[in-house]
Amino acid sequence: MYGIDLYNFAFWWECHEVFEGLWHAVGHNTEQGNFFQALIQLAAANLKRFLGNEQAAQKLVRSRLARLQSLPKLYMGIDIIAFAEKYKAISIPLASSTPYQIRLALETPSSSPENLKT
């Protein structure tokens, strides 16, 4: 949760550090490791773009989308397909300096208010 909060509030370097610790803990070649490595690289893409290096940001986004697509649709409470689609939509270089600001949803579909209605 801490790494996701850092990500959501644009503390991309700090987020990268938190996720990197988790990546090392779960193993680089595991499904969880794949997930954390994708988040690390997407956080790095945000930082690169914020610093004005659009080319490096685009390269990081493109290479990490493939990692996300290998995960289940819902992984660790995150809708991976929706998350990847948002990154695909913004992976086209933009003229604005608006950094990638994607909120990670930690709510599972079964616990959302519309699914609790009978």
N, C-alpha and C. Protein backbone atom coordinates (compact mmCIF):
# COMPACT_ATOMS: atom_id res chain seq x y z
N MET A 1 0.82 -1.18 0.00
CA MET A 1 0.00 0.00 0.00
C MET A 1 0.87 1.26 0.00
N TYR A 2 1.96 1.24 0.74
CA TYR A 2 2.82 2.42 0.82
C TYR A 2 3.37 2.79 -0.55
N GLY A 3 3.86 1.80 -1.29
CA GLY A 3 4.40 2.06 -2.63
C GLY A 3 3.34 2.61 -3.56
N ILE A 4 2.13 2.13 -3.44
CA ILE A 4 1.03 2.61 -4.28
C ILE A 4 0.68 4.05 -3.91
N ASP A 5 0.67 4.35 -2.62
CA ASP A 5 0.43 5.74 -2.21
C ASP A 5 1.51 6.66 -2.78
N LEU A 6 2.75 6.24 -2.69
CA LEU A 6 3.83 7.05 -3.26
C LEU A 6 3.62 7.27 -4.75
N TYR A 7 3.24 6.21 -5.45
CA TYR A 7 2.98 6.29 -6.89
C TYR A 7 1.86 7.29 -7.18
N ASN A 8 0.76 7.16 -6.45
CA ASN A 8 -0.40 8.00 -6.69
C ASN A 8 -0.16 9.48 -6.41
N PHE A 9 0.79 9.76 -5.52
CA PHE A 9 1.08 11.15 -5.19
C PHE A 9 2.36 11.65 -5.87
N ALA A 10 2.75 10.95 -6.94
CA ALA A 10 3.85 11.35 -7.82
C ALA A 10 5.22 11.35 -7.14
N PHE A 11 5.41 10.51 -6.14
CA PHE A 11 6.73 10.30 -5.57
C PHE A 11 7.32 9.08 -6.26
N TRP A 12 7.64 9.27 -7.55
CA TRP A 12 8.01 8.13 -8.39
C TRP A 12 9.35 7.51 -8.01
N TRP A 13 10.32 8.31 -7.63
CA TRP A 13 11.61 7.73 -7.24
C TRP A 13 11.43 6.89 -5.97
N GLU A 14 10.73 7.44 -5.00
CA GLU A 14 10.51 6.74 -3.75
C GLU A 14 9.68 5.47 -3.97
N CYS A 15 8.68 5.57 -4.82
CA CYS A 15 7.86 4.41 -5.19
C CYS A 15 8.74 3.33 -5.81
N HIS A 16 9.59 3.75 -6.71
CA HIS A 16 10.53 2.83 -7.38
C HIS A 16 11.36 2.08 -6.33
N GLU A 17 11.84 2.80 -5.33
CA GLU A 17 12.67 2.17 -4.30
C GLU A 17 11.87 1.14 -3.48
N VAL A 18 10.64 1.47 -3.13
CA VAL A 18 9.80 0.55 -2.36
C VAL A 18 9.51 -0.71 -3.18
N PHE A 19 9.09 -0.52 -4.44
CA PHE A 19 8.78 -1.67 -5.28
C PHE A 19 10.02 -2.50 -5.59
N GLU A 20 11.17 -1.85 -5.68
CA GLU A 20 12.40 -2.60 -5.94
C GLU A 20 12.73 -3.54 -4.78
N GLY A 21 12.51 -3.07 -3.55
CA GLY A 21 12.72 -3.93 -2.39
C GLY A 21 11.81 -5.15 -2.43
N LEU A 22 10.56 -4.93 -2.79
CA LEU A 22 9.62 -6.05 -2.92
C LEU A 22 10.00 -6.98 -4.06
N TRP A 23 10.46 -6.42 -5.16
CA TRP A 23 10.89 -7.20 -6.32
C TRP A 23 12.02 -8.15 -5.92
N HIS A 24 12.99 -7.63 -5.18
CA HIS A 24 14.10 -8.48 -4.72
C HIS A 24 13.60 -9.55 -3.75
N ALA A 25 12.65 -9.20 -2.90
CA ALA A 25 12.15 -10.14 -1.89
C ALA A 25 11.38 -11.31 -2.49
N VAL A 26 10.58 -11.04 -3.54
CA VAL A 26 9.75 -12.11 -4.11
C VAL A 26 10.47 -12.90 -5.20
N GLY A 27 11.58 -12.38 -5.68
CA GLY A 27 12.33 -13.06 -6.74
C GLY A 27 12.06 -12.43 -8.09
N HIS A 28 13.11 -12.26 -8.83
CA HIS A 28 13.03 -11.56 -10.11
C HIS A 28 12.25 -12.32 -11.17
N ASN A 29 12.27 -13.63 -11.11
CA ASN A 29 11.65 -14.44 -12.17
C ASN A 29 10.33 -15.07 -11.76
N THR A 30 9.65 -14.46 -10.80
CA THR A 30 8.35 -14.95 -10.37
C THR A 30 7.25 -14.07 -10.96
N GLU A 31 6.02 -14.53 -10.86
CA GLU A 31 4.90 -13.71 -11.34
C GLU A 31 4.83 -12.40 -10.55
N GLN A 32 5.02 -12.48 -9.23
CA GLN A 32 5.03 -11.27 -8.42
C GLN A 32 6.20 -10.37 -8.80
N GLY A 33 7.34 -10.98 -9.05
CA GLY A 33 8.51 -10.20 -9.46
C GLY A 33 8.25 -9.49 -10.78
N ASN A 34 7.60 -10.16 -11.70
CA ASN A 34 7.24 -9.57 -12.99
C ASN A 34 6.34 -8.35 -12.77
N PHE A 35 5.37 -8.49 -11.87
CA PHE A 35 4.44 -7.41 -11.55
C PHE A 35 5.19 -6.22 -10.96
N PHE A 36 6.03 -6.47 -9.97
CA PHE A 36 6.75 -5.38 -9.33
C PHE A 36 7.74 -4.72 -10.29
N GLN A 37 8.36 -5.51 -11.15
CA GLN A 37 9.28 -4.91 -12.11
C GLN A 37 8.53 -4.01 -13.08
N ALA A 38 7.33 -4.39 -13.48
CA ALA A 38 6.53 -3.53 -14.35
C ALA A 38 6.20 -2.22 -13.64
N LEU A 39 5.80 -2.30 -12.37
CA LEU A 39 5.49 -1.07 -11.63
C LEU A 39 6.73 -0.20 -11.45
N ILE A 40 7.87 -0.82 -11.22
CA ILE A 40 9.13 -0.07 -11.10
C ILE A 40 9.40 0.71 -12.38
N GLN A 41 9.27 0.03 -13.50
CA GLN A 41 9.57 0.67 -14.77
C GLN A 41 8.54 1.74 -15.15
N LEU A 42 7.29 1.53 -14.79
CA LEU A 42 6.27 2.54 -15.08
C LEU A 42 6.48 3.77 -14.19
N ALA A 43 6.89 3.56 -12.95
CA ALA A 43 7.22 4.69 -12.09
C ALA A 43 8.42 5.45 -12.67
N ALA A 44 9.40 4.72 -13.17
CA ALA A 44 10.56 5.35 -13.80
C ALA A 44 10.15 6.12 -15.05
N ALA A 45 9.19 5.59 -15.80
CA ALA A 45 8.69 6.29 -16.99
C ALA A 45 8.04 7.61 -16.60
N ASN A 46 7.27 7.59 -15.52
CA ASN A 46 6.66 8.83 -15.03
C ASN A 46 7.72 9.87 -14.69
N LEU A 47 8.76 9.42 -14.00
CA LEU A 47 9.82 10.33 -13.61
C LEU A 47 10.57 10.86 -14.83
N LYS A 48 10.86 9.99 -15.78
CA LYS A 48 11.56 10.43 -17.00
C LYS A 48 10.74 11.48 -17.74
N ARG A 49 9.46 11.24 -17.84
CA ARG A 49 8.60 12.18 -18.55
C ARG A 49 8.53 13.51 -17.80
N PHE A 50 8.40 13.46 -16.50
CA PHE A 50 8.35 14.66 -15.69
C PHE A 50 9.63 15.49 -15.86
N LEU A 51 10.76 14.80 -16.00
CA LEU A 51 12.04 15.47 -16.18
C LEU A 51 12.29 15.91 -17.62
N GLY A 52 11.33 15.62 -18.51
CA GLY A 52 11.44 16.08 -19.88
C GLY A 52 12.08 15.11 -20.85
N ASN A 53 12.31 13.88 -20.44
CA ASN A 53 12.92 12.89 -21.33
C ASN A 53 11.82 11.97 -21.87
N GLU A 54 11.04 12.48 -22.81
CA GLU A 54 9.90 11.76 -23.37
C GLU A 54 10.32 10.47 -24.07
N GLN A 55 11.43 10.50 -24.78
CA GLN A 55 11.88 9.31 -25.50
C GLN A 55 12.15 8.15 -24.55
N ALA A 56 12.84 8.42 -23.46
CA ALA A 56 13.12 7.37 -22.47
C ALA A 56 11.83 6.89 -21.81
N ALA A 57 10.92 7.82 -21.54
CA ALA A 57 9.63 7.45 -20.93
C ALA A 57 8.86 6.52 -21.85
N GLN A 58 8.80 6.83 -23.13
CA GLN A 58 8.07 6.01 -24.09
C GLN A 58 8.66 4.61 -24.18
N LYS A 59 9.97 4.53 -24.18
CA LYS A 59 10.64 3.23 -24.26
C LYS A 59 10.29 2.37 -23.04
N LEU A 60 10.32 2.97 -21.86
CA LEU A 60 9.98 2.24 -20.64
C LEU A 60 8.52 1.77 -20.66
N VAL A 61 7.62 2.63 -21.09
CA VAL A 61 6.20 2.26 -21.13
C VAL A 61 5.97 1.10 -22.08
N ARG A 62 6.51 1.19 -23.28
CA ARG A 62 6.29 0.13 -24.27
C ARG A 62 6.82 -1.22 -23.79
N SER A 63 7.98 -1.23 -23.18
CA SER A 63 8.56 -2.51 -22.74
C SER A 63 7.82 -3.08 -21.54
N ARG A 64 7.22 -2.24 -20.73
CA ARG A 64 6.54 -2.73 -19.53
C ARG A 64 5.11 -3.17 -19.79
N LEU A 65 4.50 -2.68 -20.83
CA LEU A 65 3.14 -3.12 -21.15
C LEU A 65 3.09 -4.62 -21.41
N ALA A 66 4.12 -5.15 -22.03
CA ALA A 66 4.17 -6.59 -22.29
C ALA A 66 4.20 -7.37 -20.98
N ARG A 67 4.91 -6.86 -19.99
CA ARG A 67 4.96 -7.54 -18.68
C ARG A 67 3.58 -7.55 -18.03
N LEU A 68 2.87 -6.45 -18.11
CA LEU A 68 1.54 -6.39 -17.51
C LEU A 68 0.57 -7.35 -18.20
N GLN A 69 0.70 -7.48 -19.51
CA GLN A 69 -0.23 -8.32 -20.26
C GLN A 69 -0.07 -9.80 -19.95
N SER A 70 1.04 -10.19 -19.35
CA SER A 70 1.24 -11.60 -19.01
C SER A 70 0.62 -11.96 -17.66
N LEU A 71 0.07 -10.98 -16.94
CA LEU A 71 -0.51 -11.21 -15.63
C LEU A 71 -2.01 -11.50 -15.73
N PRO A 72 -2.59 -12.11 -14.69
CA PRO A 72 -4.04 -12.31 -14.68
C PRO A 72 -4.77 -10.96 -14.72
N LYS A 73 -6.03 -10.99 -15.13
CA LYS A 73 -6.81 -9.75 -15.27
C LYS A 73 -6.85 -8.94 -13.98
N LEU A 74 -7.06 -9.58 -12.87
CA LEU A 74 -7.07 -8.91 -11.58
C LEU A 74 -5.90 -9.48 -10.79
N TYR A 75 -4.96 -8.62 -10.44
CA TYR A 75 -3.76 -9.10 -9.76
C TYR A 75 -3.44 -8.18 -8.59
N MET A 76 -3.35 -8.76 -7.41
CA MET A 76 -3.07 -8.01 -6.18
C MET A 76 -4.03 -6.83 -6.03
N GLY A 77 -5.28 -7.04 -6.40
CA GLY A 77 -6.30 -6.02 -6.25
C GLY A 77 -6.30 -4.95 -7.33
N ILE A 78 -5.50 -5.11 -8.34
CA ILE A 78 -5.42 -4.12 -9.41
C ILE A 78 -5.97 -4.72 -10.69
N ASP A 79 -6.84 -3.98 -11.34
CA ASP A 79 -7.37 -4.39 -12.64
C ASP A 79 -6.27 -4.16 -13.68
N ILE A 80 -5.54 -5.21 -13.97
CA ILE A 80 -4.36 -5.11 -14.84
C ILE A 80 -4.74 -4.68 -16.26
N ILE A 81 -5.84 -5.19 -16.76
CA ILE A 81 -6.25 -4.83 -18.13
C ILE A 81 -6.56 -3.34 -18.22
N ALA A 82 -7.33 -2.82 -17.28
CA ALA A 82 -7.66 -1.40 -17.29
C ALA A 82 -6.40 -0.55 -17.12
N PHE A 83 -5.52 -0.97 -16.22
CA PHE A 83 -4.28 -0.25 -15.99
C PHE A 83 -3.42 -0.22 -17.25
N ALA A 84 -3.27 -1.37 -17.90
CA ALA A 84 -2.48 -1.44 -19.13
C ALA A 84 -3.12 -0.61 -20.24
N GLU A 85 -4.44 -0.63 -20.34
CA GLU A 85 -5.13 0.15 -21.36
C GLU A 85 -4.89 1.64 -21.17
N LYS A 86 -4.90 2.10 -19.93
CA LYS A 86 -4.63 3.52 -19.66
C LYS A 86 -3.22 3.88 -20.11
N TYR A 87 -2.27 2.98 -19.84
CA TYR A 87 -0.89 3.25 -20.27
C TYR A 87 -0.76 3.20 -21.78
N LYS A 88 -1.48 2.29 -22.44
CA LYS A 88 -1.44 2.26 -23.91
C LYS A 88 -1.95 3.58 -24.47
N ALA A 89 -3.04 4.07 -23.90
CA ALA A 89 -3.66 5.31 -24.39
C ALA A 89 -2.73 6.50 -24.22
N ILE A 90 -1.92 6.50 -23.19
CA ILE A 90 -1.04 7.64 -22.97
C ILE A 90 0.39 7.37 -23.38
N SER A 91 0.64 6.23 -24.01
CA SER A 91 2.01 5.93 -24.42
C SER A 91 2.41 6.66 -25.69
N ILE A 92 1.45 7.32 -26.31
CA ILE A 92 1.76 8.14 -27.48
C ILE A 92 2.34 9.45 -26.97
N PRO A 93 3.49 9.88 -27.48
CA PRO A 93 4.09 11.12 -26.99
C PRO A 93 3.11 12.29 -27.08
N LEU A 94 3.04 13.03 -26.03
CA LEU A 94 2.15 14.19 -25.97
C LEU A 94 2.96 15.48 -25.99
N ALA A 95 2.35 16.52 -26.49
CA ALA A 95 3.01 17.81 -26.51
C ALA A 95 3.04 18.44 -25.12
N SER A 96 2.09 18.09 -24.28
CA SER A 96 2.05 18.69 -22.94
C SER A 96 3.10 18.07 -22.04
N SER A 97 3.36 18.73 -20.94
CA SER A 97 4.33 18.19 -19.99
C SER A 97 3.65 17.44 -18.85
N THR A 98 2.38 17.10 -19.02
CA THR A 98 1.64 16.39 -18.00
C THR A 98 2.23 14.99 -17.82
N PRO A 99 2.70 14.67 -16.61
CA PRO A 99 3.28 13.34 -16.40
C PRO A 99 2.20 12.27 -16.32
N TYR A 100 2.61 11.04 -16.51
CA TYR A 100 1.69 9.92 -16.35
C TYR A 100 1.19 9.92 -14.92
N GLN A 101 -0.08 10.00 -14.73
CA GLN A 101 -0.65 10.00 -13.39
C GLN A 101 -1.79 9.01 -13.37
N ILE A 102 -1.48 7.75 -13.19
CA ILE A 102 -2.47 6.69 -13.18
C ILE A 102 -2.70 6.26 -11.74
N ARG A 103 -3.93 6.24 -11.33
CA ARG A 103 -4.28 5.78 -10.00
C ARG A 103 -4.44 4.27 -10.02
N LEU A 104 -3.81 3.60 -9.10
CA LEU A 104 -3.94 2.17 -8.99
C LEU A 104 -5.15 1.86 -8.13
N ALA A 105 -6.13 1.16 -8.67
CA ALA A 105 -7.34 0.81 -7.92
C ALA A 105 -7.09 -0.44 -7.11
N LEU A 106 -7.29 -0.36 -5.83
CA LEU A 106 -7.06 -1.51 -4.97
C LEU A 106 -8.35 -2.18 -4.56
N GLU A 107 -9.43 -1.82 -5.18
CA GLU A 107 -10.73 -2.39 -4.85
C GLU A 107 -11.02 -3.55 -5.78
N THR A 108 -11.36 -4.69 -5.21
CA THR A 108 -11.71 -5.84 -6.04
C THR A 108 -13.12 -5.66 -6.57
N PRO A 109 -13.43 -6.19 -7.75
CA PRO A 109 -14.77 -6.03 -8.30
C PRO A 109 -15.86 -6.51 -7.37
N SER A 110 -15.64 -7.55 -6.60
CA SER A 110 -16.68 -8.08 -5.72
C SER A 110 -16.97 -7.16 -4.54
N SER A 111 -16.06 -6.25 -4.22
CA SER A 111 -16.30 -5.37 -3.08
C SER A 111 -16.74 -3.97 -3.49
N SER A 112 -16.88 -3.72 -4.78
CA SER A 112 -17.32 -2.40 -5.21
C SER A 112 -18.80 -2.22 -4.87
N PRO A 113 -19.23 -0.98 -4.60
CA PRO A 113 -20.61 -0.74 -4.17
C PRO A 113 -21.66 -1.29 -5.12
N GLU A 114 -21.44 -1.20 -6.43
CA GLU A 114 -22.45 -1.70 -7.37
C GLU A 114 -22.60 -3.21 -7.31
N ASN A 115 -21.55 -3.93 -6.90
CA ASN A 115 -21.63 -5.38 -6.78
C ASN A 115 -22.20 -5.83 -5.44
N LEU A 116 -22.30 -4.92 -4.48
CA LEU A 116 -22.85 -5.27 -3.18
C LEU A 116 -24.37 -5.17 -3.16
N LYS A 117 -24.94 -4.50 -4.16
CA LYS A 117 -26.39 -4.37 -4.25
C LYS A 117 -27.00 -5.72 -4.62
N THR A 118 -28.15 -6.02 -4.05
CA THR A 118 -28.79 -7.30 -4.36
C THR A 118 -30.02 -7.11 -5.22
